[in-house]
Amino acid sequence: MSRRSLVIVASLVALAVVGGFVGVVVATSGGGDQLTVFTARSHYGDEQPFEAFAAGEGTDLTLFGGSASELYERLESEGDQTQGDLLITVDGANLWRAEEAGLLLPLRSGVLDRNVPQSLRHPDGEWYGLTLRARTIMRSTERVAEEAVTTYAGLGDPRWQGRMCLRSGTSEYNVSFVADRIAKDGEAATERMLERWMANDPTILGSDTDVLKAIADGTCDVGFINSYYLGRELEEDPDFPVAPVWADQDGRGTHVNLSGVAVVKASDRPDEARKLVEYLTAPARQKVFAQNNHEFAVRPNIEPTSEISQFGAFKRDPIDVAGAGRHLEDAVRTMNDVGWD
């Protein structure tokens, strides 16, 4: 592929509209080599590796954002007519859905096999982990002792009656967590745990950030969110009065999900798309993605940010992408049954 002069849209004000979705044009030169990325990562228009790839390869990139489920549904509905070349999700379960629907292109790449550990990529190369995200308990450092709650089941203790905040049950992060619990513990046991959570009359909020702020201002004492949201708050205010509890350290470990990337089967540019996947999963880019958003790289030798690493290492519950994926509908039904909406 020839190199071309690119205009990088650093201000991110250039937009493209396709099928009702608004996308950020990361790089444009008016040439013919271009890739379209469907990404559920919330900072989709502000992640430097995309600009660096576009500049280095001479390839135009357009990024379209949406939730993981929205992007999956779009790819499925568009079929062979889709303009998408890459899919990036924030949970493994929606990668599994895309795989099961035959929407992803298996890759054969020694580079990718070196970049991503075997346990964090599809055995046939249909998707690859990009970063990891821990979804765990949060506590007020002013009102809750470190050992007051140490397990997910412990959030059902009556002591947290009226003292717990949760994000809406419609959150894909919560749905994936429940699907994973069903896959590993069974539907009945998972429903019993969630019934105890709901019996504590939790305050339901719209986002993980809302949960954190509610803990900080005293609206509630404990919550349940992705740890990188706390990293963001601590980056702004090192004295932010909330700390994580790495849950279930005497059991399977803390729930971890993955942000992953795959090439769309219907892509007209599979070779260029594979190059972008190789580039994004390289250790240097993993470090950028993880540290910019306080996530964890899929490579174990890349340290998390100081805001998160200060809380120590933790045992991770092994990721079961297929198991969680098979139980997404069960998770939604169970959450509706217990009143987590």
C-alpha atoms as a PDB file:
ATOM      1  CA  MET A   1       0.000   0.000   0.000  1.00  0.00           C
ATOM      2  CA  SER A   2       1.402   3.371  -0.954  1.00  0.00           C
ATOM      3  CA  ARG A   3       1.910   6.094   1.627  1.00  0.00           C
ATOM      4  CA  ARG A   4      -0.106   9.244   1.116  1.00  0.00           C
ATOM      5  CA  SER A   5      -0.239  12.634   2.710  1.00  0.00           C
ATOM      6  CA  LEU A   6      -2.964  12.619   5.352  1.00  0.00           C
ATOM      7  CA  VAL A   7      -4.894  15.300   7.102  1.00  0.00           C
ATOM      8  CA  ILE A   8      -5.457  14.171  10.705  1.00  0.00           C
ATOM      9  CA  VAL A   9      -8.623  15.659  12.158  1.00  0.00           C
ATOM     10  CA  ALA A  10      -7.202  16.381  15.590  1.00  0.00           C
ATOM     11  CA  SER A  11     -10.193  18.407  16.721  1.00  0.00           C
ATOM     12  CA  LEU A  12     -12.508  15.510  15.853  1.00  0.00           C
ATOM     13  CA  VAL A  13     -15.141  17.781  14.373  1.00  0.00           C
ATOM     14  CA  ALA A  14     -15.306  16.040  11.001  1.00  0.00           C
ATOM     15  CA  LEU A  15     -18.294  13.710  10.966  1.00  0.00           C
ATOM     16  CA  ALA A  16     -19.727  11.108   8.641  1.00  0.00           C
ATOM     17  CA  VAL A  17     -23.278   9.780   8.693  1.00  0.00           C
ATOM     18  CA  VAL A  18     -24.080   6.254   7.504  1.00  0.00           C
ATOM     19  CA  GLY A  19     -27.332   4.454   8.212  1.00  0.00           C
ATOM     20  CA  GLY A  20     -28.270   6.922  10.933  1.00  0.00           C
ATOM     21  CA  PHE A  21     -24.973   6.446  12.824  1.00  0.00           C
ATOM     22  CA  VAL A  22     -22.629   9.381  13.298  1.00  0.00           C
ATOM     23  CA  GLY A  23     -18.937   8.628  12.963  1.00  0.00           C
ATOM     24  CA  VAL A  24     -15.705  10.485  13.514  1.00  0.00           C
ATOM     25  CA  VAL A  25     -13.438  10.807  10.496  1.00  0.00           C
ATOM     26  CA  VAL A  26     -10.058  10.166  12.080  1.00  0.00           C
ATOM     27  CA  ALA A  27      -8.032  10.668   8.928  1.00  0.00           C
ATOM     28  CA  THR A  28      -8.871  11.629   5.389  1.00  0.00           C
ATOM     29  CA  SER A  29      -6.898  12.297   2.229  1.00  0.00           C
ATOM     30  CA  GLY A  30      -9.515  11.707  -0.434  1.00  0.00           C
ATOM     31  CA  GLY A  31      -7.790   8.571  -1.667  1.00  0.00           C
ATOM     32  CA  GLY A  32      -9.253   5.132  -2.189  1.00  0.00           C
ATOM     33  CA  ASP A  33      -7.756   3.152   0.738  1.00  0.00           C
ATOM     34  CA  GLN A  34     -10.130   3.453   3.666  1.00  0.00           C
ATOM     35  CA  LEU A  35     -11.414   1.421   6.583  1.00  0.00           C
ATOM     36  CA  THR A  36     -14.570   1.792   8.637  1.00  0.00           C
ATOM     37  CA  VAL A  37     -14.456   0.767  12.293  1.00  0.00           C
ATOM     38  CA  PHE A  38     -17.561   0.072  14.367  1.00  0.00           C
ATOM     39  CA  THR A  39     -16.470   0.564  17.963  1.00  0.00           C
ATOM     40  CA  ALA A  40     -18.245   0.427  21.306  1.00  0.00           C
ATOM     41  CA  ARG A  41     -15.324   1.979  23.183  1.00  0.00           C
ATOM     42  CA  SER A  42     -16.611   5.207  24.704  1.00  0.00           C
ATOM     43  CA  HIS A  43     -13.544   7.231  23.680  1.00  0.00           C
ATOM     44  CA  TYR A  44     -13.818   6.068  20.078  1.00  0.00           C
ATOM     45  CA  GLY A  45     -12.969   9.447  18.595  1.00  0.00           C
ATOM     46  CA  ASP A  46     -10.105  10.198  20.920  1.00  0.00           C
ATOM     47  CA  GLU A  47      -7.699   7.245  20.898  1.00  0.00           C
ATOM     48  CA  GLN A  48      -4.306   8.023  19.410  1.00  0.00           C
ATOM     49  CA  PRO A  49      -3.471   4.576  17.937  1.00  0.00           C
ATOM     50  CA  PHE A  50      -6.090   5.039  15.205  1.00  0.00           C
ATOM     51  CA  GLU A  51      -4.580   8.327  14.098  1.00  0.00           C
ATOM     52  CA  ALA A  52      -1.081   6.845  14.216  1.00  0.00           C
ATOM     53  CA  PHE A  53      -2.098   3.881  12.044  1.00  0.00           C
ATOM     54  CA  ALA A  54      -3.822   6.131   9.516  1.00  0.00           C
ATOM     55  CA  ALA A  55      -0.780   8.379   9.251  1.00  0.00           C
ATOM     56  CA  GLY A  56       1.689   5.519   9.032  1.00  0.00           C
ATOM     57  CA  GLU A  57      -0.202   3.327   6.559  1.00  0.00           C
ATOM     58  CA  GLY A  58      -1.800   5.988   4.399  1.00  0.00           C
ATOM     59  CA  THR A  59      -5.243   4.571   5.092  1.00  0.00           C
ATOM     60  CA  ASP A  60      -8.310   6.682   5.801  1.00  0.00           C
ATOM     61  CA  LEU A  61     -10.227   5.660   8.925  1.00  0.00           C
ATOM     62  CA  THR A  62     -13.798   6.430   9.925  1.00  0.00           C
ATOM     63  CA  LEU A  63     -14.968   5.368  13.391  1.00  0.00           C
ATOM     64  CA  PHE A  64     -18.638   4.836  14.186  1.00  0.00           C
ATOM     65  CA  GLY A  65     -19.632   4.574  17.841  1.00  0.00           C
ATOM     66  CA  GLY A  66     -22.494   2.796  19.555  1.00  0.00           C
ATOM     67  CA  SER A  67     -23.179   0.244  22.259  1.00  0.00           C
ATOM     68  CA  ALA A  68     -21.845  -3.265  21.703  1.00  0.00           C
ATOM     69  CA  SER A  69     -25.349  -4.620  21.165  1.00  0.00           C
ATOM     70  CA  GLU A  70     -26.295  -1.796  18.777  1.00  0.00           C
ATOM     71  CA  LEU A  71     -23.231  -2.410  16.627  1.00  0.00           C
ATOM     72  CA  TYR A  72     -23.816  -6.157  16.551  1.00  0.00           C
ATOM     73  CA  GLU A  73     -27.424  -5.619  15.504  1.00  0.00           C
ATOM     74  CA  ARG A  74     -26.334  -3.182  12.812  1.00  0.00           C
ATOM     75  CA  LEU A  75     -23.832  -5.648  11.346  1.00  0.00           C
ATOM     76  CA  GLU A  76     -26.400  -8.421  11.417  1.00  0.00           C
ATOM     77  CA  SER A  77     -29.075  -6.325   9.703  1.00  0.00           C
ATOM     78  CA  GLU A  78     -26.717  -4.970   7.027  1.00  0.00           C
ATOM     79  CA  GLY A  79     -25.191  -8.347   6.196  1.00  0.00           C
ATOM     80  CA  ASP A  80     -23.045  -8.340   3.052  1.00  0.00           C
ATOM     81  CA  GLN A  81     -23.983  -4.700   2.420  1.00  0.00           C
ATOM     82  CA  THR A  82     -22.284  -3.369   5.536  1.00  0.00           C
ATOM     83  CA  GLN A  83     -19.587  -0.732   5.252  1.00  0.00           C
ATOM     84  CA  GLY A  84     -17.975  -1.972   8.452  1.00  0.00           C
ATOM     85  CA  ASP A  85     -14.489  -3.479   8.251  1.00  0.00           C
ATOM     86  CA  LEU A  86     -13.681  -3.875  11.942  1.00  0.00           C
ATOM     87  CA  LEU A  87     -15.812  -4.460  15.026  1.00  0.00           C
ATOM     88  CA  ILE A  88     -14.564  -3.424  18.458  1.00  0.00           C
ATOM     89  CA  THR A  89     -16.731  -4.321  21.451  1.00  0.00           C
ATOM     90  CA  VAL A  90     -16.435  -3.667  25.177  1.00  0.00           C
ATOM     91  CA  ASP A  91     -17.553  -7.139  26.188  1.00  0.00           C
ATOM     92  CA  GLY A  92     -16.738 -10.602  24.958  1.00  0.00           C
ATOM     93  CA  ALA A  93     -20.348 -11.773  24.861  1.00  0.00           C
ATOM     94  CA  ASN A  94     -21.202  -9.551  21.908  1.00  0.00           C
ATOM     95  CA  LEU A  95     -18.131 -10.797  20.055  1.00  0.00           C
ATOM     96  CA  TRP A  96     -19.513 -14.298  20.603  1.00  0.00           C
ATOM     97  CA  ARG A  97     -22.884 -13.209  19.194  1.00  0.00           C
ATOM     98  CA  ALA A  98     -21.194 -11.837  16.084  1.00  0.00           C
ATOM     99  CA  GLU A  99     -19.158 -15.009  15.731  1.00  0.00           C
ATOM    100  CA  GLU A 100     -22.240 -17.226  16.083  1.00  0.00           C
ATOM    101  CA  ALA A 101     -24.051 -15.150  13.453  1.00  0.00           C
ATOM    102  CA  GLY A 102     -21.209 -15.723  10.978  1.00  0.00           C
ATOM    103  CA  LEU A 103     -20.284 -12.032  10.847  1.00  0.00           C
ATOM    104  CA  LEU A 104     -16.568 -12.337  11.590  1.00  0.00           C
ATOM    105  CA  LEU A 105     -13.600 -13.290   9.429  1.00  0.00           C
ATOM    106  CA  PRO A 106     -11.108 -15.774  10.922  1.00  0.00           C
ATOM    107  CA  LEU A 107      -7.536 -14.495  10.767  1.00  0.00           C
ATOM    108  CA  ARG A 108      -4.300 -16.407  10.476  1.00  0.00           C
ATOM    109  CA  SER A 109      -1.490 -14.265  11.815  1.00  0.00           C
ATOM    110  CA  GLY A 110       1.670 -15.092  13.718  1.00  0.00           C
ATOM    111  CA  VAL A 111       1.808 -11.443  14.737  1.00  0.00           C
ATOM    112  CA  LEU A 112      -1.597 -11.676  16.417  1.00  0.00           C
ATOM    113  CA  ASP A 113      -0.704 -14.959  18.079  1.00  0.00           C
ATOM    114  CA  ARG A 114       2.332 -13.247  19.608  1.00  0.00           C
ATOM    115  CA  ASN A 115       0.431 -10.109  20.564  1.00  0.00           C
ATOM    116  CA  VAL A 116      -2.509 -11.726  22.366  1.00  0.00           C
ATOM    117  CA  PRO A 117      -2.333 -14.613  24.887  1.00  0.00           C
ATOM    118  CA  GLN A 118      -4.087 -17.782  23.775  1.00  0.00           C
ATOM    119  CA  SER A 119      -6.726 -17.548  26.517  1.00  0.00           C
ATOM    120  CA  LEU A 120      -7.761 -14.078  25.318  1.00  0.00           C
ATOM    121  CA  ARG A 121      -8.302 -14.796  21.624  1.00  0.00           C
ATOM    122  CA  HIS A 122     -10.645 -17.003  19.638  1.00  0.00           C
ATOM    123  CA  PRO A 123      -9.100 -20.416  18.911  1.00  0.00           C
ATOM    124  CA  ASP A 124      -9.780 -19.951  15.182  1.00  0.00           C
ATOM    125  CA  GLY A 125      -8.785 -16.281  15.059  1.00  0.00           C
ATOM    126  CA  GLU A 126     -12.286 -14.791  14.815  1.00  0.00           C
ATOM    127  CA  TRP A 127     -11.599 -12.182  17.526  1.00  0.00           C
ATOM    128  CA  TYR A 128      -8.740 -10.924  19.693  1.00  0.00           C
ATOM    129  CA  GLY A 129      -8.636  -9.293  23.113  1.00  0.00           C
ATOM    130  CA  LEU A 130      -7.563  -5.661  23.193  1.00  0.00           C
ATOM    131  CA  THR A 131      -7.871  -4.701  26.867  1.00  0.00           C
ATOM    132  CA  LEU A 132      -9.372  -6.157  30.043  1.00  0.00           C
ATOM    133  CA  ARG A 133     -11.919  -4.557  32.370  1.00  0.00           C
ATOM    134  CA  ALA A 134     -12.575  -5.530  35.983  1.00  0.00           C
ATOM    135  CA  ARG A 135     -16.163  -5.140  37.232  1.00  0.00           C
ATOM    136  CA  THR A 136     -16.075  -5.158  40.979  1.00  0.00           C
ATOM    137  CA  ILE A 137     -17.294  -3.691  44.263  1.00  0.00           C
ATOM    138  CA  MET A 138     -16.611  -0.083  45.245  1.00  0.00           C
ATOM    139  CA  ARG A 139     -16.708   1.247  48.820  1.00  0.00           C
ATOM    140  CA  SER A 140     -16.602   4.581  50.569  1.00  0.00           C
ATOM    141  CA  THR A 141     -13.185   4.984  52.184  1.00  0.00           C
ATOM    142  CA  GLU A 142     -14.832   7.214  54.808  1.00  0.00           C
ATOM    143  CA  ARG A 143     -17.686   4.947  55.934  1.00  0.00           C
ATOM    144  CA  VAL A 144     -16.894   1.359  54.904  1.00  0.00           C
ATOM    145  CA  ALA A 145     -13.978  -0.706  56.222  1.00  0.00           C
ATOM    146  CA  GLU A 146     -11.803  -2.639  53.763  1.00  0.00           C
ATOM    147  CA  GLU A 147     -13.077  -6.052  54.876  1.00  0.00           C
ATOM    148  CA  ALA A 148     -16.745  -5.073  55.274  1.00  0.00           C
ATOM    149  CA  VAL A 149     -17.707  -6.678  51.949  1.00  0.00           C
ATOM    150  CA  THR A 150     -15.385  -8.955  49.992  1.00  0.00           C
ATOM    151  CA  THR A 151     -17.653 -10.967  47.680  1.00  0.00           C
ATOM    152  CA  TYR A 152     -20.312 -10.269  45.083  1.00  0.00           C
ATOM    153  CA  ALA A 153     -22.745 -12.325  47.151  1.00  0.00           C
ATOM    154  CA  GLY A 154     -21.891 -10.100  50.115  1.00  0.00           C
ATOM    155  CA  LEU A 155     -23.708  -7.184  48.481  1.00  0.00           C
ATOM    156  CA  GLY A 156     -26.859  -9.072  49.470  1.00  0.00           C
ATOM    157  CA  ASP A 157     -26.068  -8.775  53.197  1.00  0.00           C
ATOM    158  CA  PRO A 158     -28.887  -6.873  54.969  1.00  0.00           C
ATOM    159  CA  ARG A 159     -26.320  -4.408  56.323  1.00  0.00           C
ATOM    160  CA  TRP A 160     -26.374  -2.759  52.875  1.00  0.00           C
ATOM    161  CA  GLN A 161     -30.122  -2.113  53.027  1.00  0.00           C
ATOM    162  CA  GLY A 162     -30.599   1.316  51.462  1.00  0.00           C
ATOM    163  CA  ARG A 163     -26.831   1.813  51.293  1.00  0.00           C
ATOM    164  CA  MET A 164     -26.033   0.372  47.851  1.00  0.00           C
ATOM    165  CA  CYS A 165     -26.040   1.944  44.374  1.00  0.00           C
ATOM    166  CA  LEU A 166     -26.169   0.017  41.109  1.00  0.00           C
ATOM    167  CA  ARG A 167     -26.165   0.988  37.476  1.00  0.00           C
ATOM    168  CA  SER A 168     -29.288   0.196  35.505  1.00  0.00           C
ATOM    169  CA  GLY A 169     -29.855  -3.434  34.640  1.00  0.00           C
ATOM    170  CA  THR A 170     -29.943  -2.469  30.967  1.00  0.00           C
ATOM    171  CA  SER A 171     -26.184  -1.783  31.037  1.00  0.00           C
ATOM    172  CA  GLU A 172     -24.347  -4.231  28.788  1.00  0.00           C
ATOM    173  CA  TYR A 173     -21.649  -4.498  31.465  1.00  0.00           C
ATOM    174  CA  ASN A 174     -24.209  -5.724  33.994  1.00  0.00           C
ATOM    175  CA  VAL A 175     -25.878  -8.057  31.509  1.00  0.00           C
ATOM    176  CA  SER A 176     -22.514  -9.619  30.641  1.00  0.00           C
ATOM    177  CA  PHE A 177     -21.664 -10.015  34.338  1.00  0.00           C
ATOM    178  CA  VAL A 178     -24.943 -11.810  35.025  1.00  0.00           C
ATOM    179  CA  ALA A 179     -24.551 -13.980  31.919  1.00  0.00           C
ATOM    180  CA  ASP A 180     -21.089 -15.000  33.124  1.00  0.00           C
ATOM    181  CA  ARG A 181     -22.432 -15.858  36.588  1.00  0.00           C
ATOM    182  CA  ILE A 182     -25.177 -17.982  35.042  1.00  0.00           C
ATOM    183  CA  ALA A 183     -22.620 -19.815  32.906  1.00  0.00           C
ATOM    184  CA  LYS A 184     -20.469 -20.608  35.943  1.00  0.00           C
ATOM    185  CA  ASP A 185     -22.904 -20.850  38.874  1.00  0.00           C
ATOM    186  CA  GLY A 186     -26.178 -21.736  37.190  1.00  0.00           C
ATOM    187  CA  GLU A 187     -29.332 -19.694  36.713  1.00  0.00           C
ATOM    188  CA  ALA A 188     -30.953 -20.572  40.045  1.00  0.00           C
ATOM    189  CA  ALA A 189     -27.925 -19.600  42.150  1.00  0.00           C
ATOM    190  CA  THR A 190     -27.428 -16.385  40.184  1.00  0.00           C
ATOM    191  CA  GLU A 191     -31.075 -15.435  40.580  1.00  0.00           C
ATOM    192  CA  ARG A 192     -30.887 -16.008  44.349  1.00  0.00           C
ATOM    193  CA  MET A 193     -27.852 -13.729  44.593  1.00  0.00           C
ATOM    194  CA  LEU A 194     -29.558 -10.970  42.596  1.00  0.00           C
ATOM    195  CA  GLU A 195     -32.766 -11.319  44.627  1.00  0.00           C
ATOM    196  CA  ARG A 196     -30.742 -10.589  47.770  1.00  0.00           C
ATOM    197  CA  TRP A 197     -29.196  -7.556  46.056  1.00  0.00           C
ATOM    198  CA  MET A 198     -32.630  -6.240  45.125  1.00  0.00           C
ATOM    199  CA  ALA A 199     -33.969  -6.930  48.625  1.00  0.00           C
ATOM    200  CA  ASN A 200     -31.535  -4.272  49.847  1.00  0.00           C
ATOM    201  CA  ASP A 201     -33.470  -1.671  47.835  1.00  0.00           C
ATOM    202  CA  PRO A 202     -30.475  -0.358  45.874  1.00  0.00           C
ATOM    203  CA  THR A 203     -30.536   3.076  44.300  1.00  0.00           C
ATOM    204  CA  ILE A 204     -30.494   2.534  40.512  1.00  0.00           C
ATOM    205  CA  LEU A 205     -28.490   5.099  38.563  1.00  0.00           C
ATOM    206  CA  GLY A 206     -27.739   5.759  34.905  1.00  0.00           C
ATOM    207  CA  SER A 207     -23.990   5.190  34.724  1.00  0.00           C
ATOM    208  CA  ASP A 208     -20.957   3.842  36.558  1.00  0.00           C
ATOM    209  CA  THR A 209     -19.798   7.430  37.036  1.00  0.00           C
ATOM    210  CA  ASP A 210     -23.103   8.237  38.747  1.00  0.00           C
ATOM    211  CA  VAL A 211     -22.553   5.307  41.118  1.00  0.00           C
ATOM    212  CA  LEU A 212     -19.082   6.552  42.028  1.00  0.00           C
ATOM    213  CA  LYS A 213     -20.254  10.089  42.669  1.00  0.00           C
ATOM    214  CA  ALA A 214     -23.137   8.814  44.785  1.00  0.00           C
ATOM    215  CA  ILE A 215     -20.687   6.896  46.980  1.00  0.00           C
ATOM    216  CA  ALA A 216     -18.447   9.938  47.256  1.00  0.00           C
ATOM    217  CA  ASP A 217     -21.279  12.289  48.268  1.00  0.00           C
ATOM    218  CA  GLY A 218     -22.802   9.889  50.792  1.00  0.00           C
ATOM    219  CA  THR A 219     -25.926   8.876  48.875  1.00  0.00           C
ATOM    220  CA  CYS A 220     -24.755   5.268  49.194  1.00  0.00           C
ATOM    221  CA  ASP A 221     -21.811   3.437  50.728  1.00  0.00           C
ATOM    222  CA  VAL A 222     -21.098   0.612  48.300  1.00  0.00           C
ATOM    223  CA  GLY A 223     -21.548   0.035  44.585  1.00  0.00           C
ATOM    224  CA  PHE A 224     -20.608  -2.172  41.659  1.00  0.00           C
ATOM    225  CA  ILE A 225     -18.831  -0.780  38.574  1.00  0.00           C
ATOM    226  CA  ASN A 226     -15.920  -1.143  36.142  1.00  0.00           C
ATOM    227  CA  SER A 227     -12.733  -0.136  37.928  1.00  0.00           C
ATOM    228  CA  TYR A 228     -11.496   2.152  35.153  1.00  0.00           C
ATOM    229  CA  TYR A 229     -14.199   4.669  36.035  1.00  0.00           C
ATOM    230  CA  LEU A 230     -12.549   5.032  39.433  1.00  0.00           C
ATOM    231  CA  GLY A 231      -9.195   5.491  37.713  1.00  0.00           C
ATOM    232  CA  ARG A 232     -10.618   8.442  35.807  1.00  0.00           C
ATOM    233  CA  GLU A 233     -11.903  10.055  39.006  1.00  0.00           C
ATOM    234  CA  LEU A 234      -8.615   9.530  40.843  1.00  0.00           C
ATOM    235  CA  GLU A 235      -6.718  11.043  37.931  1.00  0.00           C
ATOM    236  CA  GLU A 236      -8.762  14.219  38.433  1.00  0.00           C
ATOM    237  CA  ASP A 237      -8.778  14.070  42.245  1.00  0.00           C
ATOM    238  CA  PRO A 238      -6.273  11.787  44.021  1.00  0.00           C
ATOM    239  CA  ASP A 239      -8.275  12.226  47.246  1.00  0.00           C
ATOM    240  CA  PHE A 240     -11.529  10.967  45.741  1.00  0.00           C
ATOM    241  CA  PRO A 241     -12.991   8.988  48.696  1.00  0.00           C
ATOM    242  CA  VAL A 242     -13.764   5.676  46.983  1.00  0.00           C
ATOM    243  CA  ALA A 243     -11.678   2.491  46.680  1.00  0.00           C
ATOM    244  CA  PRO A 244     -12.217  -0.839  44.913  1.00  0.00           C
ATOM    245  CA  VAL A 245     -12.723  -4.164  46.608  1.00  0.00           C
ATOM    246  CA  TRP A 246     -11.274  -6.905  44.440  1.00  0.00           C
ATOM    247  CA  ALA A 247     -14.150  -9.319  44.886  1.00  0.00           C
ATOM    248  CA  ASP A 248     -14.083 -13.083  45.486  1.00  0.00           C
ATOM    249  CA  GLN A 249     -10.351 -13.393  46.087  1.00  0.00           C
ATOM    250  CA  ASP A 250     -10.970 -16.558  48.118  1.00  0.00           C
ATOM    251  CA  GLY A 251     -13.101 -17.930  45.291  1.00  0.00           C
ATOM    252  CA  ARG A 252     -12.752 -17.782  41.507  1.00  0.00           C
ATOM    253  CA  GLY A 253     -11.620 -14.165  41.564  1.00  0.00           C
ATOM    254  CA  THR A 254     -12.861 -10.788  40.351  1.00  0.00           C
ATOM    255  CA  HIS A 255     -15.037 -10.706  37.245  1.00  0.00           C
ATOM    256  CA  VAL A 256     -13.068  -9.527  34.214  1.00  0.00           C
ATOM    257  CA  ASN A 257     -14.419  -8.862  30.738  1.00  0.00           C
ATOM    258  CA  LEU A 258     -12.559  -7.967  27.577  1.00  0.00           C
ATOM    259  CA  SER A 259     -12.649  -5.245  25.002  1.00  0.00           C
ATOM    260  CA  GLY A 260     -11.996  -7.108  21.770  1.00  0.00           C
ATOM    261  CA  VAL A 261     -11.501  -6.553  18.064  1.00  0.00           C
ATOM    262  CA  ALA A 262     -12.461  -8.563  14.980  1.00  0.00           C
ATOM    263  CA  VAL A 263     -12.510  -8.223  11.199  1.00  0.00           C
ATOM    264  CA  VAL A 264     -15.975  -8.157   9.648  1.00  0.00           C
ATOM    265  CA  LYS A 265     -16.489 -11.047   7.237  1.00  0.00           C
ATOM    266  CA  ALA A 266     -18.114  -8.801   4.640  1.00  0.00           C
ATOM    267  CA  SER A 267     -15.193  -6.361   4.607  1.00  0.00           C
ATOM    268  CA  ASP A 268     -13.957  -5.407   1.149  1.00  0.00           C
ATOM    269  CA  ARG A 269     -10.479  -4.759   2.596  1.00  0.00           C
ATOM    270  CA  PRO A 270      -9.616  -7.787   4.720  1.00  0.00           C
ATOM    271  CA  ASP A 271      -5.833  -7.417   4.342  1.00  0.00           C
ATOM    272  CA  GLU A 272      -5.865  -3.773   5.436  1.00  0.00           C
ATOM    273  CA  ALA A 273      -8.270  -4.651   8.243  1.00  0.00           C
ATOM    274  CA  ARG A 274      -5.954  -7.435   9.470  1.00  0.00           C
ATOM    275  CA  LYS A 275      -3.050  -4.975   9.504  1.00  0.00           C
ATOM    276  CA  LEU A 276      -5.079  -2.645  11.702  1.00  0.00           C
ATOM    277  CA  VAL A 277      -5.909  -5.474  14.134  1.00  0.00           C
ATOM    278  CA  GLU A 278      -2.218  -6.397  14.292  1.00  0.00           C
ATOM    279  CA  TYR A 279      -1.318  -2.778  14.909  1.00  0.00           C
ATOM    280  CA  LEU A 280      -3.940  -2.209  17.626  1.00  0.00           C
ATOM    281  CA  THR A 281      -3.016  -5.367  19.551  1.00  0.00           C
ATOM    282  CA  ALA A 282       0.734  -4.696  19.542  1.00  0.00           C
ATOM    283  CA  PRO A 283       2.147  -4.211  23.070  1.00  0.00           C
ATOM    284  CA  ALA A 284       2.832  -0.509  22.558  1.00  0.00           C
ATOM    285  CA  ARG A 285      -0.771   0.164  21.534  1.00  0.00           C
ATOM    286  CA  GLN A 286      -2.180  -2.078  24.256  1.00  0.00           C
ATOM    287  CA  LYS A 287      -0.307   0.088  26.736  1.00  0.00           C
ATOM    288  CA  VAL A 288      -1.792   3.250  25.252  1.00  0.00           C
ATOM    289  CA  PHE A 289      -5.362   1.901  25.282  1.00  0.00           C
ATOM    290  CA  ALA A 290      -5.043   0.536  28.804  1.00  0.00           C
ATOM    291  CA  GLN A 291      -3.318   3.509  30.376  1.00  0.00           C
ATOM    292  CA  ASN A 292      -5.393   6.186  28.646  1.00  0.00           C
ATOM    293  CA  ASN A 293      -8.547   4.639  30.094  1.00  0.00           C
ATOM    294  CA  HIS A 294      -7.191   2.924  33.244  1.00  0.00           C
ATOM    295  CA  GLU A 295      -7.904  -0.564  31.867  1.00  0.00           C
ATOM    296  CA  PHE A 296      -5.658  -3.641  31.894  1.00  0.00           C
ATOM    297  CA  ALA A 297      -3.645  -4.762  28.879  1.00  0.00           C
ATOM    298  CA  VAL A 298      -4.136  -8.326  27.684  1.00  0.00           C
ATOM    299  CA  ARG A 299      -0.375  -8.810  27.968  1.00  0.00           C
ATOM    300  CA  PRO A 300       0.433  -9.453  31.634  1.00  0.00           C
ATOM    301  CA  ASN A 301       3.747  -7.564  31.639  1.00  0.00           C
ATOM    302  CA  ILE A 302       2.105  -4.178  30.962  1.00  0.00           C
ATOM    303  CA  GLU A 303       1.416  -2.373  34.233  1.00  0.00           C
ATOM    304  CA  PRO A 304      -1.885  -0.570  34.862  1.00  0.00           C
ATOM    305  CA  THR A 305      -1.913   3.111  35.721  1.00  0.00           C
ATOM    306  CA  SER A 306      -0.725   4.257  39.136  1.00  0.00           C
ATOM    307  CA  GLU A 307      -4.301   5.212  40.015  1.00  0.00           C
ATOM    308  CA  ILE A 308      -5.322   1.541  39.747  1.00  0.00           C
ATOM    309  CA  SER A 309      -2.080  -0.267  40.607  1.00  0.00           C
ATOM    310  CA  GLN A 310      -2.012   1.388  44.056  1.00  0.00           C
ATOM    311  CA  PHE A 311      -4.770  -1.027  45.052  1.00  0.00           C
ATOM    312  CA  GLY A 312      -2.623  -4.070  44.337  1.00  0.00           C
ATOM    313  CA  ALA A 313      -2.809  -7.083  42.080  1.00  0.00           C
ATOM    314  CA  PHE A 314      -5.792  -9.414  42.222  1.00  0.00           C
ATOM    315  CA  LYS A 315      -6.904 -12.849  41.124  1.00  0.00           C
ATOM    316  CA  ARG A 316      -9.108 -12.752  38.034  1.00  0.00           C
ATOM    317  CA  ASP A 317     -12.056 -14.996  37.379  1.00  0.00           C
ATOM    318  CA  PRO A 318     -11.131 -16.712  34.072  1.00  0.00           C
ATOM    319  CA  ILE A 319     -12.970 -15.255  31.094  1.00  0.00           C
ATOM    320  CA  ASP A 320     -15.491 -17.558  29.395  1.00  0.00           C
ATOM    321  CA  VAL A 321     -16.601 -15.658  26.313  1.00  0.00           C
ATOM    322  CA  ALA A 322     -18.721 -18.451  24.834  1.00  0.00           C
ATOM    323  CA  GLY A 323     -20.299 -19.334  28.166  1.00  0.00           C
ATOM    324  CA  ALA A 324     -21.426 -15.768  28.812  1.00  0.00           C
ATOM    325  CA  GLY A 325     -22.520 -15.321  25.211  1.00  0.00           C
ATOM    326  CA  ARG A 326     -24.835 -18.334  25.357  1.00  0.00           C
ATOM    327  CA  HIS A 327     -26.573 -16.884  28.408  1.00  0.00           C
ATOM    328  CA  LEU A 328     -27.157 -13.279  27.375  1.00  0.00           C
ATOM    329  CA  GLU A 329     -30.911 -13.790  26.934  1.00  0.00           C
ATOM    330  CA  ASP A 330     -31.075 -15.762  30.196  1.00  0.00           C
ATOM    331  CA  ALA A 331     -29.335 -12.871  31.941  1.00  0.00           C
ATOM    332  CA  VAL A 332     -31.831 -10.302  30.682  1.00  0.00           C
ATOM    333  CA  ARG A 333     -34.752 -12.489  31.720  1.00  0.00           C
ATOM    334  CA  THR A 334     -33.300 -13.136  35.176  1.00  0.00           C
ATOM    335  CA  MET A 335     -32.594  -9.453  35.761  1.00  0.00           C
ATOM    336  CA  ASN A 336     -36.154  -8.580  34.759  1.00  0.00           C
ATOM    337  CA  ASP A 337     -37.514 -11.286  37.065  1.00  0.00           C
ATOM    338  CA  VAL A 338     -35.703  -9.870  40.114  1.00  0.00           C
ATOM    339  CA  GLY A 339     -36.606  -6.278  39.265  1.00  0.00           C
ATOM    340  CA  TRP A 340     -33.176  -5.017  38.242  1.00  0.00           C
ATOM    341  CA  ASP A 341     -34.165  -2.644  35.478  1.00  0.00           C
END
